[in-house]
Protein backbone atom coordinates (compact mmCIF):
# COMPACT_ATOMS: atom_id res chain seq x y z
CA MET A 1 0.03 0.03 0.06
CA THR A 2 1.21 3.50 -0.86
CA ILE A 3 0.29 7.02 0.28
CA ASP A 4 -1.23 9.45 -2.11
CA LEU A 5 1.08 12.44 -1.35
CA GLU A 6 -0.94 14.98 -3.38
CA LYS A 7 -4.02 14.05 -1.48
CA LEU A 8 -2.11 14.24 1.84
CA ALA A 9 -0.74 17.62 0.92
CA ALA A 10 -4.24 18.88 0.03
CA VAL A 11 -5.59 18.31 3.56
CA PRO A 12 -5.99 21.73 5.22
CA SER A 13 -4.14 22.66 8.38
CA PRO A 14 -6.77 24.55 10.36
CA THR A 15 -5.93 26.60 13.35
CA PRO A 16 -7.34 24.75 16.42
CA LEU A 17 -9.99 26.59 18.37
CA ARG A 18 -10.50 26.44 22.10
CA SER A 19 -13.78 26.74 23.79
CA ALA A 20 -14.49 28.99 26.77
CA GLU A 21 -15.26 25.80 28.69
CA VAL A 22 -11.74 24.44 28.00
CA GLU A 23 -10.15 27.79 28.92
CA ARG A 24 -11.97 27.62 32.25
CA GLY A 25 -10.82 24.09 32.73
CA VAL A 26 -7.21 25.05 32.07
CA ALA A 27 -7.45 27.87 34.63
CA ASP A 28 -9.03 25.45 37.20
CA SER A 29 -6.27 22.85 36.76
CA VAL A 30 -3.52 25.55 36.98
CA ALA A 31 -5.13 26.84 40.24
CA TYR A 32 -5.35 23.34 41.69
CA LEU A 33 -1.67 22.62 40.86
CA GLY A 34 -0.65 25.82 42.67
CA SER A 35 -2.48 24.76 45.83
CA ASP A 36 -1.08 23.22 49.00
CA ALA A 37 -3.59 20.37 48.51
CA ALA A 38 -1.77 19.47 45.30
CA LEU A 39 1.59 19.38 47.05
CA HIS A 40 0.14 17.17 49.81
CA SER A 41 -1.23 14.73 47.15
CA ILE A 42 2.19 14.53 45.42
CA GLU A 43 3.95 13.85 48.75
CA ARG A 44 1.41 11.09 49.60
CA ASP A 45 1.66 9.52 46.14
CA PRO A 46 2.98 11.02 42.93
CA TYR A 47 0.76 8.89 40.65
CA TRP A 48 -2.46 7.72 42.34
CA PRO A 49 -5.37 8.27 42.22
CA LYS A 50 -6.56 8.30 38.63
CA TRP A 51 -7.62 10.60 37.06
CA ASN A 52 -7.81 13.45 39.49
CA SER A 53 -4.39 13.96 41.11
CA PRO A 54 -1.63 16.36 40.09
CA TRP A 55 -0.01 13.82 37.77
CA TRP A 56 -3.04 13.71 35.43
CA HIS A 57 -3.72 17.47 35.49
CA MET A 58 -0.08 18.01 34.55
CA LEU A 59 -0.10 15.45 31.70
CA LEU A 60 -3.25 16.93 30.29
CA LEU A 61 -2.03 20.50 30.46
CA HIS A 62 1.12 19.38 28.63
CA GLU A 63 -0.89 17.69 25.95
CA LEU A 64 -2.72 20.99 25.36
CA GLY A 65 0.53 22.83 25.09
CA GLU A 66 0.10 24.53 28.45
CA ALA A 67 2.93 23.04 30.42
CA ARG A 68 4.38 26.47 30.92
CA GLN A 69 1.41 27.31 33.20
CA ILE A 70 2.28 24.46 35.63
CA PRO A 71 3.65 26.12 38.83
CA SER A 72 7.32 25.53 39.15
CA ARG A 73 7.13 24.35 42.82
CA THR A 74 4.73 21.70 41.64
CA SER A 75 6.81 20.42 38.80
CA ALA A 76 9.88 20.40 41.08
CA ALA A 77 7.84 18.54 43.77
CA ILE A 78 6.69 15.79 41.43
CA ALA A 79 10.25 15.39 40.04
CA ALA A 80 11.64 15.05 43.58
CA ARG A 81 8.88 12.59 44.53
CA ILE A 82 9.54 10.44 41.41
CA ASP A 83 13.25 10.36 42.34
CA ARG A 84 12.23 8.67 45.66
CA LEU A 85 10.66 5.77 43.87
CA LEU A 86 12.64 2.70 43.14
CA HIS A 87 15.18 3.28 40.43
CA LEU A 88 14.38 -0.16 38.95
CA PHE A 89 11.48 -2.01 37.60
CA PRO A 90 10.99 -5.05 39.89
CA ILE A 91 10.68 -8.25 37.89
CA HIS A 92 11.50 -10.81 40.63
CA PRO A 93 10.33 -10.55 44.28
CA SER A 94 14.02 -10.39 45.24
CA ASP A 95 14.51 -7.22 43.19
CA ALA A 96 12.81 -5.04 45.88
CA PRO A 97 11.92 -7.04 48.99
CA GLY A 98 9.22 -5.45 51.00
CA ALA A 99 8.30 -2.96 48.40
CA ASP A 100 4.76 -2.19 47.28
CA MET A 101 4.98 -2.89 43.58
CA GLN A 102 2.26 -0.38 42.71
CA ARG A 103 3.18 2.45 45.08
CA ASP A 104 6.97 2.27 45.34
CA SER A 105 7.88 1.69 41.71
CA ALA A 106 7.11 3.46 38.39
CA CYS A 107 6.43 1.74 35.17
CA HIS A 108 7.77 2.49 31.63
CA CYS A 109 4.70 4.43 30.39
CA ALA A 110 4.47 6.46 33.60
CA LEU A 111 8.07 7.65 33.31
CA GLY A 112 7.72 8.05 29.59
CA THR A 113 4.74 10.33 29.88
CA MET A 114 6.02 12.46 32.69
CA TYR A 115 9.54 12.98 31.31
CA PRO A 116 8.38 15.32 28.50
CA VAL A 117 6.07 17.17 30.89
CA LEU A 118 8.97 17.97 33.24
CA ALA A 119 11.15 18.98 30.35
CA ALA A 120 8.45 21.36 29.09
CA CYS A 121 8.24 22.82 32.55
CA GLY A 122 11.91 23.86 32.23
CA ILE A 123 13.34 21.10 34.42
CA ASP A 124 16.74 19.55 33.31
CA VAL A 125 15.39 16.06 33.47
CA GLU A 126 18.69 14.50 32.43
CA ARG A 127 20.35 16.02 35.52
CA THR A 128 17.35 15.79 37.85
CA LEU A 129 16.37 12.23 37.04
CA PRO A 130 19.50 10.84 35.34
CA TRP A 131 18.38 7.19 35.87
CA VAL A 132 15.15 7.49 33.72
CA LYS A 133 16.70 7.16 30.15
CA PRO A 134 18.99 4.25 31.20
CA TRP A 135 15.95 2.62 32.67
CA PHE A 136 14.32 2.47 29.25
CA VAL A 137 17.42 0.98 27.75
CA ARG A 138 17.57 -1.65 30.56
CA TYR A 139 14.08 -2.89 30.14
CA GLN A 140 13.89 -2.85 26.27
CA MET A 141 12.93 -6.30 25.08
CA ALA A 142 14.48 -8.19 22.12
CA ASP A 143 11.97 -6.93 19.58
CA GLY A 144 12.59 -3.21 20.58
CA GLY A 145 9.50 -2.83 22.76
CA LEU A 146 8.78 -2.75 26.43
CA ASN A 147 6.02 -3.97 28.76
CA CYS A 148 4.70 -2.53 31.96
CA ASP A 149 3.61 -6.02 33.03
CA ASN A 150 6.48 -7.37 35.16
CA THR A 151 5.61 -10.97 34.30
CA ALA A 152 6.16 -10.33 30.68
CA TYR A 153 10.01 -10.37 31.37
CA LEU A 154 9.72 -13.87 32.84
CA GLN A 155 8.45 -15.42 29.64
CA THR A 156 10.60 -17.75 27.60
CA GLY A 157 10.25 -18.55 23.85
CA GLU A 158 8.29 -15.37 23.08
CA CYS A 159 8.73 -11.54 23.41
CA PRO A 160 5.42 -10.07 24.69
CA SER A 161 6.17 -6.36 24.12
CA SER A 162 3.37 -3.76 24.45
CA MET A 163 2.52 -0.79 22.23
CA VAL A 164 1.32 1.16 25.37
CA GLY A 165 4.52 0.33 27.19
CA THR A 166 6.70 1.39 24.31
CA VAL A 167 5.31 4.54 22.70
CA ALA A 168 5.79 6.92 25.64
CA PRO A 169 9.36 5.84 26.38
CA LEU A 170 10.24 6.39 22.70
CA GLU A 171 8.63 9.88 22.86
CA ALA A 172 10.80 10.68 25.87
CA MET A 173 13.93 9.24 24.31
CA LEU A 174 13.57 11.51 21.22
CA LEU A 175 13.76 14.62 23.42
CA GLY A 176 16.99 16.56 23.93
CA ALA A 177 20.39 15.55 22.65
CA ALA A 178 21.02 12.22 20.90
CA GLY A 179 22.36 10.71 24.16
CA SER A 180 24.64 7.73 24.56
CA SER A 181 25.18 5.05 21.97
CA GLU A 182 22.88 2.76 24.02
CA GLN A 183 20.13 5.36 24.01
CA ARG A 184 20.51 5.88 20.21
CA ALA A 185 20.28 2.18 19.76
CA PHE A 186 17.15 2.07 21.96
CA ALA A 187 15.47 4.63 19.70
CA THR A 188 16.50 2.82 16.55
CA ARG A 189 15.10 -0.44 17.80
CA ALA A 190 11.93 1.09 19.28
CA GLY A 191 11.18 2.77 16.01
CA GLY A 192 11.75 -0.64 14.28
CA PHE A 193 9.19 -2.14 16.72
CA LEU A 194 6.53 0.35 15.71
CA ILE A 195 7.33 -0.23 12.02
CA ASP A 196 7.09 -4.02 12.46
CA ARG A 197 3.68 -3.52 13.99
CA ALA A 198 2.64 -1.06 11.17
CA LEU A 199 1.11 0.99 14.00
CA ILE A 200 -1.98 -1.25 14.11
CA HIS A 201 -1.07 -4.79 15.12
CA GLY A 202 -1.21 -6.12 18.66
CA SER A 203 1.26 -8.63 20.06
CA ARG A 204 1.49 -12.06 18.31
CA THR A 205 2.42 -13.69 21.61
CA GLU A 206 0.41 -15.96 23.89
CA HIS A 207 1.31 -14.00 27.04
CA ASN A 208 0.13 -10.64 25.60
CA ALA A 209 -2.77 -12.03 23.57
CA GLU A 210 -5.07 -9.49 25.13
CA GLU A 211 -3.37 -6.74 23.17
CA ARG A 212 -4.68 -8.21 19.93
CA GLY A 213 -8.16 -7.52 21.11
CA ALA A 214 -7.24 -4.00 22.35
CA ALA A 215 -5.74 -3.23 18.96
CA VAL A 216 -9.17 -3.07 17.45
CA ALA A 217 -9.78 0.17 19.38
CA TRP A 218 -6.54 1.80 18.43
CA ARG A 219 -7.95 3.12 15.13
CA ALA A 220 -10.44 5.27 17.06
CA LEU A 221 -8.55 8.33 18.26
CA THR A 222 -8.64 9.09 21.90
CA PHE A 223 -8.01 12.18 23.99
CA PRO A 224 -6.39 12.80 26.37
CA ARG A 225 -3.73 10.25 25.68
CA PHE A 226 -2.21 9.98 29.10
CA TYR A 227 -0.38 6.67 28.53
CA PHE A 228 -2.97 5.26 26.04
CA TYR A 229 -2.23 4.37 22.47
CA ASP A 230 -3.93 5.20 19.16
CA VAL A 231 -2.69 5.07 15.66
CA LEU A 232 -2.21 8.95 15.37
CA ARG A 233 0.00 8.90 18.45
CA GLY A 234 2.05 6.09 16.89
CA LEU A 235 2.23 7.79 13.50
CA ALA A 236 3.32 11.12 15.15
CA VAL A 237 6.16 9.55 17.14
CA LEU A 238 7.29 7.40 14.24
CA VAL A 239 7.56 10.57 11.96
CA ARG A 240 9.52 12.34 14.71
CA TRP A 241 11.65 9.34 15.08
CA ALA A 242 12.51 9.22 11.35
CA GLU A 243 13.31 12.94 11.26
CA ALA A 244 15.35 12.94 14.51
CA THR A 245 17.36 9.80 13.76
CA GLU A 246 17.57 10.38 9.97
CA GLN A 247 16.18 6.89 9.42
CA ARG A 248 14.26 5.93 6.43
CA LEU A 249 10.55 5.34 6.98
CA PRO A 250 8.96 2.49 5.03
CA GLU A 251 5.82 3.74 3.47
CA ALA A 252 4.13 0.43 3.94
CA ALA A 253 4.52 0.75 7.73
CA VAL A 254 2.24 3.88 7.87
CA ALA A 255 0.18 3.93 4.73
CA THR A 256 -2.81 2.13 6.26
CA VAL A 257 -2.98 4.65 9.08
CA VAL A 258 -2.24 7.71 6.91
CA ASN A 259 -4.79 6.83 4.18
CA ALA A 260 -7.46 6.16 6.74
CA LEU A 261 -6.92 9.49 8.57
CA VAL A 262 -6.96 11.41 5.22
CA GLU A 263 -10.29 9.79 4.42
CA ARG A 264 -11.77 10.30 7.81
CA TRP A 265 -10.68 13.96 8.41
CA PRO A 266 -10.61 15.62 4.92
CA ASP A 267 -10.97 19.08 6.48
CA GLY A 268 -8.04 18.48 8.80
CA VAL A 269 -10.21 18.74 11.94
CA VAL A 270 -9.84 15.65 14.12
CA ARG A 271 -12.61 14.69 16.55
CA VAL A 272 -12.53 12.58 19.66
CA GLU A 273 -13.69 9.06 18.91
CA ARG A 274 -12.77 7.21 22.11
CA GLN A 275 -12.47 7.83 25.83
CA ALA A 276 -9.77 5.43 26.80
CA HIS A 277 -9.80 6.60 30.39
CA ALA A 278 -13.47 5.99 30.89
CA GLY A 279 -14.63 3.14 33.16
CA LYS A 280 -11.16 2.57 34.69
CA THR A 281 -10.53 2.07 38.43
CA THR A 282 -7.88 3.36 40.64
CA LEU A 283 -6.03 2.75 43.89
CA LEU A 284 -6.69 5.26 46.60
CA PRO A 285 -3.59 6.38 48.49
CA THR A 286 -3.85 6.02 52.28
CA ALA A 287 -1.85 8.06 54.81
CA ASP A 288 -0.56 4.92 56.59
CA ARG A 289 0.10 3.04 53.33
CA SER A 290 -2.53 0.46 54.24
CA PRO A 291 -3.96 -1.65 51.46
CA SER A 292 -6.49 0.18 49.35
CA PRO A 293 -9.20 -1.52 47.34
CA ARG A 294 -9.64 -0.34 43.81
CA ALA A 295 -12.33 2.28 43.39
CA PRO A 296 -13.95 4.06 40.35
CA ALA A 297 -11.60 6.71 38.94
CA SER A 298 -12.84 10.29 39.09
CA THR A 299 -12.37 13.14 36.63
CA PHE A 300 -11.94 16.88 36.68
CA PRO A 301 -13.45 19.77 34.63
CA LEU A 302 -10.71 20.11 32.06
CA LEU A 303 -10.62 16.38 31.38
CA ASP A 304 -14.34 16.29 30.90
CA ALA A 305 -14.26 19.29 28.59
CA VAL A 306 -11.66 17.96 26.19
CA SER A 307 -12.76 14.33 25.98
CA ARG A 308 -16.35 14.55 24.74
CA LEU A 309 -17.04 12.09 21.99
CA GLY A 310 -17.59 13.66 18.59
CA GLU A 311 -16.09 17.03 19.62
CA PRO A 312 -13.24 18.59 17.56
CA SER A 313 -9.95 18.14 19.48
CA GLU A 314 -7.49 21.00 19.50
CA ALA A 315 -4.53 18.79 20.31
CA LEU A 316 -5.40 15.91 17.95
CA THR A 317 -5.94 18.36 15.10
CA ARG A 318 -2.56 19.97 15.70
CA GLN A 319 -0.86 16.57 15.96
CA TRP A 320 -2.33 15.37 12.60
CA SER A 321 -1.21 18.59 10.97
CA GLU A 322 2.37 18.15 12.31
CA ALA A 323 2.51 14.50 11.30
CA ARG A 324 1.37 15.38 7.77
CA ALA A 325 3.98 18.06 7.45
CA GLY A 326 6.63 15.71 8.69
CA LEU A 327 5.63 12.96 6.24
CA LEU A 328 5.84 15.44 3.35
CA ARG A 329 9.32 16.54 4.52
CA LEU A 330 10.43 12.94 4.59
CA ALA A 331 9.00 12.34 1.14
CA ARG A 332 10.86 15.40 -0.26
CA ALA A 333 14.06 14.16 1.38
CA GLY A 334 13.68 10.78 -0.20
CA ARG A 335 13.35 9.05 3.16
CA LEU A 336 9.77 7.93 2.82
CA VAL A 337 10.66 4.71 1.02
CA THR A 338 8.73 1.90 -0.69
């Protein structure tokens, strides 16, 4: 399959519009992040609960291009709190005896999503959290992907990598300088992983067979992304990967997604098609770290305002425009290859 470049170039690049409700939601989240309550929440737990703790307000503001409004004391506080988590991803019980695997350790997609937020807030993440990029290198699997399921690393005879566990770390790795040779190799292999999956295919493995079912939903674009995957997110990072690493991008790896997006959004305006965060549950942090049953996840005004099904998405529209422009640059440079 090939891409009709003339048709791709003809798609307009509209200026995304923002509603008054979204503006109020941004102001509301910024005010919350500047509060003592937000700092207390970060100190208790930097990640939980979903979706209404500082972590998620920060991620969403960043996705909207508003990371500069996040108060500096809040971004500094969450960076410091992340640094107090385990600097490893426990695979065996002996890796972190006595640790609470969900509260004391991060996962690949959590670190991958927060890394760009902190960078956009002006934090030198390489200096502040120097262990994060080496973490991604350490836990990359043989096929170039990662998996936030600890037990995936115990499998033999198959490589159950995850699209969700891979895309955010690759986004983080493409920020800043090229990094060490190991980090450059990570990016090369992770890009190859997305190419092999053609952005649309779930894992072929038995251990991660559930992903083949999840992949059906990836073609429906979701916002906010948080750590979730859809084909536009995959396309955007793969285009950035090809430009940043000067790799050639096989047309066949992206054509199915590109052609479908051109047909679905001929005016360039992308609408929300899926609420990936809906219906999820969360842990509730406790002051004494006692066990917490899972509870329904809550939302907040900005999240509600930007995730309504069928509504135009400012962020997705901008990302689709940027991905199209990148594809056309690759084509002109002779690096979109058949």
